[in-house]
C-alpha atoms as a PDB file:
ATOM      1  CA  VAL A   1      -5.154  70.559  16.528  1.00  0.00           C
ATOM      2  CA  THR A   2      -6.273  72.634  19.458  1.00  0.00           C
ATOM      3  CA  PRO A   3      -4.271  73.406  21.537  1.00  0.00           C
ATOM      4  CA  LYS A   4      -1.327  74.211  19.293  1.00  0.00           C
ATOM      5  CA  THR A   5       2.100  72.739  19.950  1.00  0.00           C
ATOM      6  CA  GLY A   6       3.655  74.222  23.076  1.00  0.00           C
ATOM      7  CA  GLU A   7       0.349  75.477  24.552  1.00  0.00           C
ATOM      8  CA  ILE A   8      -0.969  74.250  27.893  1.00  0.00           C
ATOM      9  CA  MET A   9      -3.044  71.068  27.584  1.00  0.00           C
ATOM     10  CA  PRO A  10      -6.715  71.745  28.443  1.00  0.00           C
ATOM     11  CA  THR A  11      -9.226  69.080  29.479  1.00  0.00           C
ATOM     12  CA  VAL A  12     -10.662  69.070  25.929  1.00  0.00           C
ATOM     13  CA  VAL A  13      -8.502  68.579  22.831  1.00  0.00           C
ATOM     14  CA  SER A  14      -9.920  69.160  19.328  1.00  0.00           C
ATOM     15  CA  LEU A  15      -8.523  67.469  16.255  1.00  0.00           C
ATOM     16  CA  VAL A  16      -9.768  68.142  12.731  1.00  0.00           C
ATOM     17  CA  VAL A  17      -8.788  65.176  10.540  1.00  0.00           C
ATOM     18  CA  GLY A  18      -9.535  66.694   7.164  1.00  0.00           C
ATOM     19  CA  ASP A  19     -11.782  68.830   5.046  1.00  0.00           C
ATOM     20  CA  PRO A  20     -14.307  66.723   3.102  1.00  0.00           C
ATOM     21  CA  GLY A  21     -13.520  68.812   0.028  1.00  0.00           C
ATOM     22  CA  ASP A  22     -15.497  68.747  -3.199  1.00  0.00           C
ATOM     23  CA  ALA A  23     -16.365  66.126  -5.798  1.00  0.00           C
ATOM     24  CA  LEU A  24     -16.107  65.822  -9.582  1.00  0.00           C
ATOM     25  CA  THR A  25     -17.939  63.077 -11.468  1.00  0.00           C
ATOM     26  CA  LEU A  26     -15.567  60.738 -13.246  1.00  0.00           C
ATOM     27  CA  ALA A  27     -17.936  60.773 -16.241  1.00  0.00           C
ATOM     28  CA  SER A  28     -17.178  64.477 -16.730  1.00  0.00           C
ATOM     29  CA  VAL A  29     -13.395  63.966 -16.872  1.00  0.00           C
ATOM     30  CA  ASN A  30     -11.714  63.510 -20.263  1.00  0.00           C
ATOM     31  CA  SER A  31      -9.801  60.253 -20.587  1.00  0.00           C
ATOM     32  CA  VAL A  32      -6.261  60.260 -21.962  1.00  0.00           C
ATOM     33  CA  ASP A  33      -6.455  56.655 -23.204  1.00  0.00           C
ATOM     34  CA  ARG A  34      -9.170  54.011 -23.365  1.00  0.00           C
ATOM     35  CA  ASP A  35     -10.265  50.789 -24.982  1.00  0.00           C
ATOM     36  CA  ASP A  36     -13.867  49.539 -24.693  1.00  0.00           C
ATOM     37  CA  CYS A  37     -14.668  51.987 -21.884  1.00  0.00           C
ATOM     38  CA  GLY A  38     -16.736  55.149 -21.886  1.00  0.00           C
ATOM     39  CA  THR A  39     -19.352  57.035 -19.914  1.00  0.00           C
ATOM     40  CA  VAL A  40     -23.076  56.612 -19.411  1.00  0.00           C
ATOM     41  CA  ASP A  41     -25.614  59.001 -17.869  1.00  0.00           C
ATOM     42  CA  SER A  42     -27.578  56.250 -16.141  1.00  0.00           C
ATOM     43  CA  ALA A  43     -27.496  52.497 -15.624  1.00  0.00           C
ATOM     44  CA  THR A  44     -29.044  49.879 -13.373  1.00  0.00           C
ATOM     45  CA  VAL A  45     -26.712  47.911 -11.118  1.00  0.00           C
ATOM     46  CA  ASN A  46     -28.080  45.285  -8.737  1.00  0.00           C
ATOM     47  CA  ALA A  47     -31.605  46.721  -9.305  1.00  0.00           C
ATOM     48  CA  ASN A  48     -30.442  50.220  -8.266  1.00  0.00           C
ATOM     49  CA  SER A  49     -30.260  53.223 -10.581  1.00  0.00           C
ATOM     50  CA  VAL A  50     -26.849  54.917 -10.787  1.00  0.00           C
ATOM     51  CA  GLY A  51     -25.825  57.993 -12.756  1.00  0.00           C
ATOM     52  CA  ASN A  52     -22.729  59.779 -14.033  1.00  0.00           C
ATOM     53  CA  SER A  53     -21.000  56.458 -14.500  1.00  0.00           C
ATOM     54  CA  ALA A  54     -18.033  54.963 -16.263  1.00  0.00           C
ATOM     55  CA  GLN A  55     -18.705  51.730 -18.127  1.00  0.00           C
ATOM     56  CA  CYS A  56     -16.366  49.095 -19.533  1.00  0.00           C
ATOM     57  CA  GLU A  57     -17.105  46.144 -21.792  1.00  0.00           C
ATOM     58  CA  PRO A  58     -14.371  43.527 -21.439  1.00  0.00           C
ATOM     59  CA  SER A  59     -14.013  40.757 -24.018  1.00  0.00           C
ATOM     60  CA  SER A  60     -11.133  38.400 -24.645  1.00  0.00           C
ATOM     61  CA  SER A  61      -8.867  41.338 -23.772  1.00  0.00           C
ATOM     62  CA  ALA A  62      -8.999  43.859 -20.951  1.00  0.00           C
ATOM     63  CA  ALA A  63     -11.113  46.979 -21.253  1.00  0.00           C
ATOM     64  CA  TYR A  64      -9.493  50.035 -19.699  1.00  0.00           C
ATOM     65  CA  VAL A  65      -9.661  53.771 -19.286  1.00  0.00           C
ATOM     66  CA  GLU A  66      -6.975  56.173 -18.048  1.00  0.00           C
ATOM     67  CA  TYR A  67      -7.265  59.678 -16.624  1.00  0.00           C
ATOM     68  CA  SER A  68      -4.610  62.307 -15.937  1.00  0.00           C
ATOM     69  CA  LEU A  69      -5.004  63.533 -12.353  1.00  0.00           C
ATOM     70  CA  SER A  70      -1.805  65.592 -12.060  1.00  0.00           C
ATOM     71  CA  ARG A  71      -1.665  64.781  -8.327  1.00  0.00           C
ATOM     72  CA  GLN A  72      -4.819  66.886  -7.811  1.00  0.00           C
ATOM     73  CA  ALA A  73      -7.334  64.296  -6.477  1.00  0.00           C
ATOM     74  CA  ALA A  74      -7.515  62.846  -2.978  1.00  0.00           C
ATOM     75  CA  ALA A  75      -9.755  59.814  -3.590  1.00  0.00           C
ATOM     76  CA  MET A  76     -12.172  58.074  -5.939  1.00  0.00           C
ATOM     77  CA  GLU A  77     -15.453  56.511  -4.837  1.00  0.00           C
ATOM     78  CA  ALA A  78     -17.887  54.405  -6.869  1.00  0.00           C
ATOM     79  CA  THR A  79     -20.379  51.566  -6.702  1.00  0.00           C
ATOM     80  CA  VAL A  80     -19.060  48.795  -8.946  1.00  0.00           C
ATOM     81  CA  GLY A  81     -21.265  46.151 -10.496  1.00  0.00           C
ATOM     82  CA  THR A  82     -22.566  44.843 -13.791  1.00  0.00           C
ATOM     83  CA  ASP A  83     -25.353  46.414 -15.826  1.00  0.00           C
ATOM     84  CA  ASP A  84     -28.554  44.465 -15.142  1.00  0.00           C
ATOM     85  CA  ARG A  85     -29.273  44.444 -18.890  1.00  0.00           C
ATOM     86  CA  GLY A  86     -25.884  43.007 -19.892  1.00  0.00           C
ATOM     87  CA  GLY A  87     -24.114  39.653 -19.842  1.00  0.00           C
ATOM     88  CA  ARG A  88     -24.288  37.334 -16.849  1.00  0.00           C
ATOM     89  CA  GLY A  89     -20.585  36.530 -16.577  1.00  0.00           C
ATOM     90  CA  PRO A  90     -18.136  37.677 -13.879  1.00  0.00           C
ATOM     91  CA  ALA A  91     -15.724  40.582 -14.106  1.00  0.00           C
ATOM     92  CA  HIS A  92     -12.578  41.644 -12.284  1.00  0.00           C
ATOM     93  CA  VAL A  93     -12.095  45.388 -11.740  1.00  0.00           C
ATOM     94  CA  LEU A  94      -8.662  46.778 -10.939  1.00  0.00           C
ATOM     95  CA  VAL A  95      -7.999  50.416 -10.024  1.00  0.00           C
ATOM     96  CA  LEU A  96      -4.380  51.476 -10.490  1.00  0.00           C
ATOM     97  CA  GLY A  97      -2.574  54.681  -9.599  1.00  0.00           C
ATOM     98  CA  ASP A  98       0.718  55.119 -11.456  1.00  0.00           C
ATOM     99  CA  GLY A  99       0.832  51.332 -11.935  1.00  0.00           C
ATOM    100  CA  ARG A 100       0.184  50.568  -8.257  1.00  0.00           C
ATOM    101  CA  GLU A 101      -2.933  48.620  -7.180  1.00  0.00           C
ATOM    102  CA  LEU A 102      -5.292  50.892  -5.229  1.00  0.00           C
ATOM    103  CA  ALA A 103      -8.567  48.935  -5.234  1.00  0.00           C
ATOM    104  CA  VAL A 104      -9.940  45.679  -6.590  1.00  0.00           C
ATOM    105  CA  ALA A 105     -13.432  44.214  -6.959  1.00  0.00           C
ATOM    106  CA  ASP A 106     -14.929  41.047  -8.398  1.00  0.00           C
ATOM    107  CA  VAL A 107     -18.508  41.501  -9.620  1.00  0.00           C
ATOM    108  CA  TRP A 108     -21.263  39.627 -11.404  1.00  0.00           C
ATOM    109  CA  LEU A 109     -24.951  40.037 -12.215  1.00  0.00           C
ATOM    110  CA  GLY A 110     -27.099  40.994  -9.207  1.00  0.00           C
ATOM    111  CA  GLN A 111     -24.164  42.051  -7.031  1.00  0.00           C
ATOM    112  CA  SER A 112     -22.463  45.389  -6.403  1.00  0.00           C
ATOM    113  CA  VAL A 113     -19.684  46.616  -4.135  1.00  0.00           C
ATOM    114  CA  PRO A 114     -18.580  50.068  -3.022  1.00  0.00           C
ATOM    115  CA  ILE A 115     -14.963  50.930  -3.725  1.00  0.00           C
ATOM    116  CA  ARG A 116     -12.746  53.745  -2.538  1.00  0.00           C
ATOM    117  CA  ALA A 117      -9.227  54.392  -3.766  1.00  0.00           C
ATOM    118  CA  ASP A 118      -6.734  56.773  -2.154  1.00  0.00           C
ATOM    119  CA  LEU A 119      -5.417  58.979  -4.981  1.00  0.00           C
ATOM    120  CA  ASN A 120      -3.066  61.251  -3.024  1.00  0.00           C
ATOM    121  CA  GLY A 121      -0.019  61.917  -5.202  1.00  0.00           C
ATOM    122  CA  VAL A 122      -1.375  59.952  -8.201  1.00  0.00           C
ATOM    123  CA  VAL A 123      -0.489  61.321 -11.641  1.00  0.00           C
ATOM    124  CA  ARG A 124      -2.350  58.737 -13.775  1.00  0.00           C
ATOM    125  CA  LEU A 125      -5.468  56.765 -12.786  1.00  0.00           C
ATOM    126  CA  ARG A 126      -6.190  53.535 -14.703  1.00  0.00           C
ATOM    127  CA  ILE A 127      -9.317  51.415 -14.387  1.00  0.00           C
ATOM    128  CA  GLU A 128      -8.944  47.971 -15.939  1.00  0.00           C
ATOM    129  CA  VAL A 129     -11.719  45.381 -16.356  1.00  0.00           C
ATOM    130  CA  THR A 130     -11.293  41.729 -17.371  1.00  0.00           C
ATOM    131  CA  THR A 131     -13.624  38.756 -17.600  1.00  0.00           C
ATOM    132  CA  SER A 132     -13.014  35.019 -17.510  1.00  0.00           C
ATOM    133  CA  ASP A 133     -16.069  34.308 -19.697  1.00  0.00           C
ATOM    134  CA  SER A 134     -15.964  36.361 -22.901  1.00  0.00           C
ATOM    135  CA  LYS A 135     -19.116  34.616 -24.202  1.00  0.00           C
ATOM    136  CA  GLN A 136     -21.160  36.090 -21.329  1.00  0.00           C
ATOM    137  CA  ALA A 137     -19.051  39.208 -20.764  1.00  0.00           C
ATOM    138  CA  PRO A 138     -20.889  41.791 -18.677  1.00  0.00           C
ATOM    139  CA  THR A 139     -20.959  45.544 -19.041  1.00  0.00           C
ATOM    140  CA  VAL A 140     -19.216  46.757 -15.897  1.00  0.00           C
ATOM    141  CA  ILE A 141     -20.460  49.983 -14.353  1.00  0.00           C
ATOM    142  CA  LEU A 142     -18.596  52.253 -11.949  1.00  0.00           C
ATOM    143  CA  GLY A 143     -21.789  53.901 -10.751  1.00  0.00           C
ATOM    144  CA  ASP A 144     -21.892  57.394  -9.321  1.00  0.00           C
ATOM    145  CA  ALA A 145     -18.100  57.430  -9.726  1.00  0.00           C
ATOM    146  CA  ARG A 146     -16.516  60.603  -8.423  1.00  0.00           C
ATOM    147  CA  LEU A 147     -13.160  62.109  -7.654  1.00  0.00           C
ATOM    148  CA  LEU A 148     -12.796  63.822  -4.289  1.00  0.00           C
ATOM    149  CA  GLY A 149     -10.439  66.655  -3.461  1.00  0.00           C
ATOM    150  CA  LEU A 150     -10.059  70.377  -3.122  1.00  0.00           C
ATOM    151  CA  ARG A 151     -11.985  72.554  -5.582  1.00  0.00           C
ATOM    152  CA  GLU A 152      -8.838  74.059  -7.137  1.00  0.00           C
ATOM    153  CA  GLY A 153      -7.363  70.623  -7.856  1.00  0.00           C
ATOM    154  CA  LEU A 154     -10.604  69.231  -9.266  1.00  0.00           C
ATOM    155  CA  ASP A 155     -10.918  72.313 -11.502  1.00  0.00           C
ATOM    156  CA  THR A 156      -7.434  71.545 -12.841  1.00  0.00           C
ATOM    157  CA  ILE A 157      -8.470  67.962 -13.655  1.00  0.00           C
ATOM    158  CA  ALA A 158     -11.705  69.111 -15.318  1.00  0.00           C
ATOM    159  CA  ALA A 159      -9.828  71.592 -17.523  1.00  0.00           C
ATOM    160  CA  GLN A 160      -7.496  68.950 -18.994  1.00  0.00           C
END
């Protein structure tokens, strides 16, 4: 903040909200636990090509993947949808940080939604995908998924 506390108030005040930081693709981060989830270099979601993506294939049980963040990430961003070449059924995507709900999305064929989850202070990130129709279960894509934060913190995550 300019001016600093205690200085005379000028006619113009400047406030810097935050540094945009750096990004790390979620596909490049090693998972600590997973079931029916992995990574994919490219996919097509809602007729759009996405890369560096996480993918989950739910069935009668939830598909999930977990990452250790060690409180080093500020946020996660992704475009969530179903792979255009997969099943037509719906899916429910839940993003959890240390067991707390951070973001949620319901998706189906031909539809995608952007998600953003605040990860400040999160030790363990879990992405969980379920479907109500296991006969037409889709492949869920978290397209262009990336962690945001300071370079030093993201380097710590990448090294794990």
